[in-house]
Amino acid sequence: MSGVIWYSEYDLQPRRALSALAAPGPRRGALIRIGGGFADIHPWPEFGDAPLDAQIATLARGQTTPLTRRSLEMAALDAQARDRGVSLFEGVSIPESHWPGDDPPPGFDTVKLKSIERLP
């Protein structure tokens, strides 16, 4: 790993439980910049990621975790795309998704059911 890694930590407050396994409360992450490329480090300790502080400390030692390795790769891809003046989303079609609540806006026609007690 070479170059300076700039980062800015953030907290996101979920509006509702994210999953049956996710701990309640804010989710911590960090935006990173390496040269002209940007990426995100957003660990999910419930699924085996080290917490954010450990991710940052590991990077500071010049080492990576599986999550930070992918983040560094993404930042490099982002920098290359920015150098060429192209979007990483160019030519990518976003698949249809689902609405996670019980009051979907017009246009959502797909549902995702998980162990529910009643249908809305």
Foldseek 3Di string as FASTA:
>chain_A
DDADKDKDKDWDADPDDPDPQADHDIFIKMWIAGPHFIFIQGDGVSVPDDHHVVQVVCVVVVHHDVRVVVRVVRRVVRNVCVVVPHDPCVPPDDDQDADADLDDDPPHDDHDDDPDPDRD
